[in-house]
């Protein structure tokens, strides 16, 4: 992907992430599948890692790996910020894993359609 394609993809990721409801989470792969780029979960992660540069807030803390693990926690300034943000929204986290992950999972394909 060239730089312009990356920027367009990143913006699409941010648009989806902004739709994740308070108290819910999704995965990098679920966003990638919704965008029609199912093998680009890592690119979704890279986009979210750069989301702090956006003018409009992107709730990147609501995106975790497919097993409910806080794999992106190191990108939030310190290792506990992501957990604290999610716990403030009612999620239960133990050892960097969302315990009620299936219950709180938000699938953009099911919620937004294709």
C-alpha atoms as a PDB file:
ATOM      1  CA  UNK A   1       0.000   0.000   0.000  1.00  0.00           C
ATOM      2  CA  UNK A   2       1.273   3.451  -0.736  1.00  0.00           C
ATOM      3  CA  UNK A   3       1.014   6.345   1.723  1.00  0.00           C
ATOM      4  CA  UNK A   4      -2.312   7.621   0.322  1.00  0.00           C
ATOM      5  CA  UNK A   5      -3.847   4.143   0.507  1.00  0.00           C
ATOM      6  CA  UNK A   6      -2.641   3.825   4.103  1.00  0.00           C
ATOM      7  CA  UNK A   7      -4.219   7.148   5.038  1.00  0.00           C
ATOM      8  CA  UNK A   8      -7.542   6.165   3.459  1.00  0.00           C
ATOM      9  CA  UNK A   9      -7.480   2.771   5.170  1.00  0.00           C
ATOM     10  CA  UNK A  10      -6.540   4.336   8.514  1.00  0.00           C
ATOM     11  CA  UNK A  11      -9.452   6.793   8.242  1.00  0.00           C
ATOM     12  CA  UNK A  12     -11.857   3.936   7.531  1.00  0.00           C
ATOM     13  CA  UNK A  13     -10.530   2.106  10.617  1.00  0.00           C
ATOM     14  CA  UNK A  14     -11.074   5.237  12.722  1.00  0.00           C
ATOM     15  CA  UNK A  15     -14.628   5.629  11.415  1.00  0.00           C
ATOM     16  CA  UNK A  16     -15.486   2.077  12.505  1.00  0.00           C
ATOM     17  CA  UNK A  17     -13.705   2.409  15.864  1.00  0.00           C
ATOM     18  CA  UNK A  18     -15.703   5.555  16.632  1.00  0.00           C
ATOM     19  CA  UNK A  19     -18.906   3.511  16.257  1.00  0.00           C
ATOM     20  CA  UNK A  20     -17.979   0.964  18.962  1.00  0.00           C
ATOM     21  CA  UNK A  21     -20.455   1.620  21.777  1.00  0.00           C
ATOM     22  CA  UNK A  22     -19.351   2.550  25.281  1.00  0.00           C
ATOM     23  CA  UNK A  23     -18.810  -0.644  27.296  1.00  0.00           C
ATOM     24  CA  UNK A  24     -18.293  -2.844  24.230  1.00  0.00           C
ATOM     25  CA  UNK A  25     -15.160  -4.085  22.439  1.00  0.00           C
ATOM     26  CA  UNK A  26     -14.249  -5.495  19.064  1.00  0.00           C
ATOM     27  CA  UNK A  27     -11.169  -7.082  17.547  1.00  0.00           C
ATOM     28  CA  UNK A  28      -8.615  -5.963  14.984  1.00  0.00           C
ATOM     29  CA  UNK A  29      -9.748  -8.796  12.725  1.00  0.00           C
ATOM     30  CA  UNK A  30     -13.442  -7.912  13.031  1.00  0.00           C
ATOM     31  CA  UNK A  31     -12.706  -4.384  11.832  1.00  0.00           C
ATOM     32  CA  UNK A  32     -10.543  -5.746   8.996  1.00  0.00           C
ATOM     33  CA  UNK A  33     -13.316  -8.137   7.897  1.00  0.00           C
ATOM     34  CA  UNK A  34     -15.903  -5.358   8.032  1.00  0.00           C
ATOM     35  CA  UNK A  35     -13.684  -3.236   5.782  1.00  0.00           C
ATOM     36  CA  UNK A  36     -13.383  -6.133   3.324  1.00  0.00           C
ATOM     37  CA  UNK A  37      -9.702  -6.664   4.078  1.00  0.00           C
ATOM     38  CA  UNK A  38      -9.882  -9.744   6.291  1.00  0.00           C
ATOM     39  CA  UNK A  39      -6.137 -10.376   6.307  1.00  0.00           C
ATOM     40  CA  UNK A  40      -5.222  -6.878   7.437  1.00  0.00           C
ATOM     41  CA  UNK A  41      -5.739  -7.131  11.209  1.00  0.00           C
ATOM     42  CA  UNK A  42      -2.156  -5.957  11.760  1.00  0.00           C
ATOM     43  CA  UNK A  43      -2.786  -2.895   9.611  1.00  0.00           C
ATOM     44  CA  UNK A  44      -5.828  -2.139  11.777  1.00  0.00           C
ATOM     45  CA  UNK A  45      -3.501  -2.305  14.779  1.00  0.00           C
ATOM     46  CA  UNK A  46      -1.020   0.053  13.128  1.00  0.00           C
ATOM     47  CA  UNK A  47      -3.827   2.471  12.323  1.00  0.00           C
ATOM     48  CA  UNK A  48      -5.065   2.442  15.901  1.00  0.00           C
ATOM     49  CA  UNK A  49      -1.521   2.897  17.186  1.00  0.00           C
ATOM     50  CA  UNK A  50      -1.450   6.157  15.195  1.00  0.00           C
ATOM     51  CA  UNK A  51      -4.944   7.268  16.198  1.00  0.00           C
ATOM     52  CA  UNK A  52      -3.640   9.594  18.918  1.00  0.00           C
ATOM     53  CA  UNK A  53      -2.654  11.941  16.061  1.00  0.00           C
ATOM     54  CA  UNK A  54      -6.295  12.385  14.993  1.00  0.00           C
ATOM     55  CA  UNK A  55      -8.124  15.612  15.729  1.00  0.00           C
ATOM     56  CA  UNK A  56     -11.257  13.663  16.682  1.00  0.00           C
ATOM     57  CA  UNK A  57     -11.046  11.075  19.497  1.00  0.00           C
ATOM     58  CA  UNK A  58     -10.734   7.432  18.439  1.00  0.00           C
ATOM     59  CA  UNK A  59     -11.615   4.917  21.195  1.00  0.00           C
ATOM     60  CA  UNK A  60      -8.708   2.620  20.298  1.00  0.00           C
ATOM     61  CA  UNK A  61      -8.849   1.082  23.783  1.00  0.00           C
ATOM     62  CA  UNK A  62     -12.042  -0.732  22.685  1.00  0.00           C
ATOM     63  CA  UNK A  63     -10.143  -2.836  20.137  1.00  0.00           C
ATOM     64  CA  UNK A  64      -8.426  -5.988  21.375  1.00  0.00           C
ATOM     65  CA  UNK A  65      -7.187  -9.229  19.874  1.00  0.00           C
ATOM     66  CA  UNK A  66      -9.511 -12.061  18.834  1.00  0.00           C
ATOM     67  CA  UNK A  67      -9.206 -13.714  22.252  1.00  0.00           C
ATOM     68  CA  UNK A  68     -10.010 -10.601  24.262  1.00  0.00           C
ATOM     69  CA  UNK A  69      -6.401  -9.894  25.216  1.00  0.00           C
ATOM     70  CA  UNK A  70      -5.152  -6.328  25.645  1.00  0.00           C
ATOM     71  CA  UNK A  71      -2.307  -6.804  23.184  1.00  0.00           C
ATOM     72  CA  UNK A  72      -2.147  -3.085  22.341  1.00  0.00           C
ATOM     73  CA  UNK A  73      -1.794  -1.898  25.939  1.00  0.00           C
ATOM     74  CA  UNK A  74       1.788  -0.713  25.482  1.00  0.00           C
ATOM     75  CA  UNK A  75       0.608   1.988  23.062  1.00  0.00           C
ATOM     76  CA  UNK A  76      -1.389   3.891  25.703  1.00  0.00           C
ATOM     77  CA  UNK A  77       1.422   5.638  27.553  1.00  0.00           C
ATOM     78  CA  UNK A  78       1.698   3.065  30.326  1.00  0.00           C
ATOM     79  CA  UNK A  79       0.712  -0.571  30.655  1.00  0.00           C
ATOM     80  CA  UNK A  80      -2.388   0.050  32.785  1.00  0.00           C
ATOM     81  CA  UNK A  81      -4.161   2.862  30.880  1.00  0.00           C
ATOM     82  CA  UNK A  82      -5.998   0.591  28.441  1.00  0.00           C
ATOM     83  CA  UNK A  83      -7.196  -1.666  31.261  1.00  0.00           C
ATOM     84  CA  UNK A  84      -8.344   1.322  33.316  1.00  0.00           C
ATOM     85  CA  UNK A  85     -10.278   2.804  30.381  1.00  0.00           C
ATOM     86  CA  UNK A  86     -12.050  -0.504  29.749  1.00  0.00           C
ATOM     87  CA  UNK A  87     -12.790  -1.099  33.430  1.00  0.00           C
ATOM     88  CA  UNK A  88     -14.272   2.420  33.589  1.00  0.00           C
ATOM     89  CA  UNK A  89     -16.710   1.218  30.908  1.00  0.00           C
ATOM     90  CA  UNK A  90     -17.721  -1.838  32.958  1.00  0.00           C
ATOM     91  CA  UNK A  91     -15.519  -4.536  31.444  1.00  0.00           C
ATOM     92  CA  UNK A  92     -13.953  -7.094  33.740  1.00  0.00           C
ATOM     93  CA  UNK A  93     -10.245  -7.651  33.110  1.00  0.00           C
ATOM     94  CA  UNK A  94      -7.890 -10.122  34.696  1.00  0.00           C
ATOM     95  CA  UNK A  95      -4.295 -10.734  33.582  1.00  0.00           C
ATOM     96  CA  UNK A  96      -4.834  -8.444  30.563  1.00  0.00           C
ATOM     97  CA  UNK A  97      -7.805 -10.527  29.383  1.00  0.00           C
ATOM     98  CA  UNK A  98     -11.427  -9.399  29.166  1.00  0.00           C
ATOM     99  CA  UNK A  99     -13.331 -12.008  31.169  1.00  0.00           C
ATOM    100  CA  UNK A 100     -16.743 -11.135  29.757  1.00  0.00           C
ATOM    101  CA  UNK A 101     -15.364 -10.828  26.207  1.00  0.00           C
ATOM    102  CA  UNK A 102     -18.056 -12.810  24.353  1.00  0.00           C
ATOM    103  CA  UNK A 103     -20.799 -10.885  26.139  1.00  0.00           C
ATOM    104  CA  UNK A 104     -19.198  -7.498  25.384  1.00  0.00           C
ATOM    105  CA  UNK A 105     -17.985  -8.273  21.840  1.00  0.00           C
ATOM    106  CA  UNK A 106     -19.308  -5.887  19.178  1.00  0.00           C
ATOM    107  CA  UNK A 107     -19.126  -7.291  15.644  1.00  0.00           C
ATOM    108  CA  UNK A 108     -19.361  -4.459  13.107  1.00  0.00           C
ATOM    109  CA  UNK A 109     -20.624  -6.795  10.383  1.00  0.00           C
ATOM    110  CA  UNK A 110     -23.578  -7.882  12.542  1.00  0.00           C
ATOM    111  CA  UNK A 111     -24.197  -4.442  14.034  1.00  0.00           C
ATOM    112  CA  UNK A 112     -23.663  -2.260  10.956  1.00  0.00           C
ATOM    113  CA  UNK A 113     -24.303  -4.671   8.107  1.00  0.00           C
ATOM    114  CA  UNK A 114     -22.183  -4.843   4.998  1.00  0.00           C
END
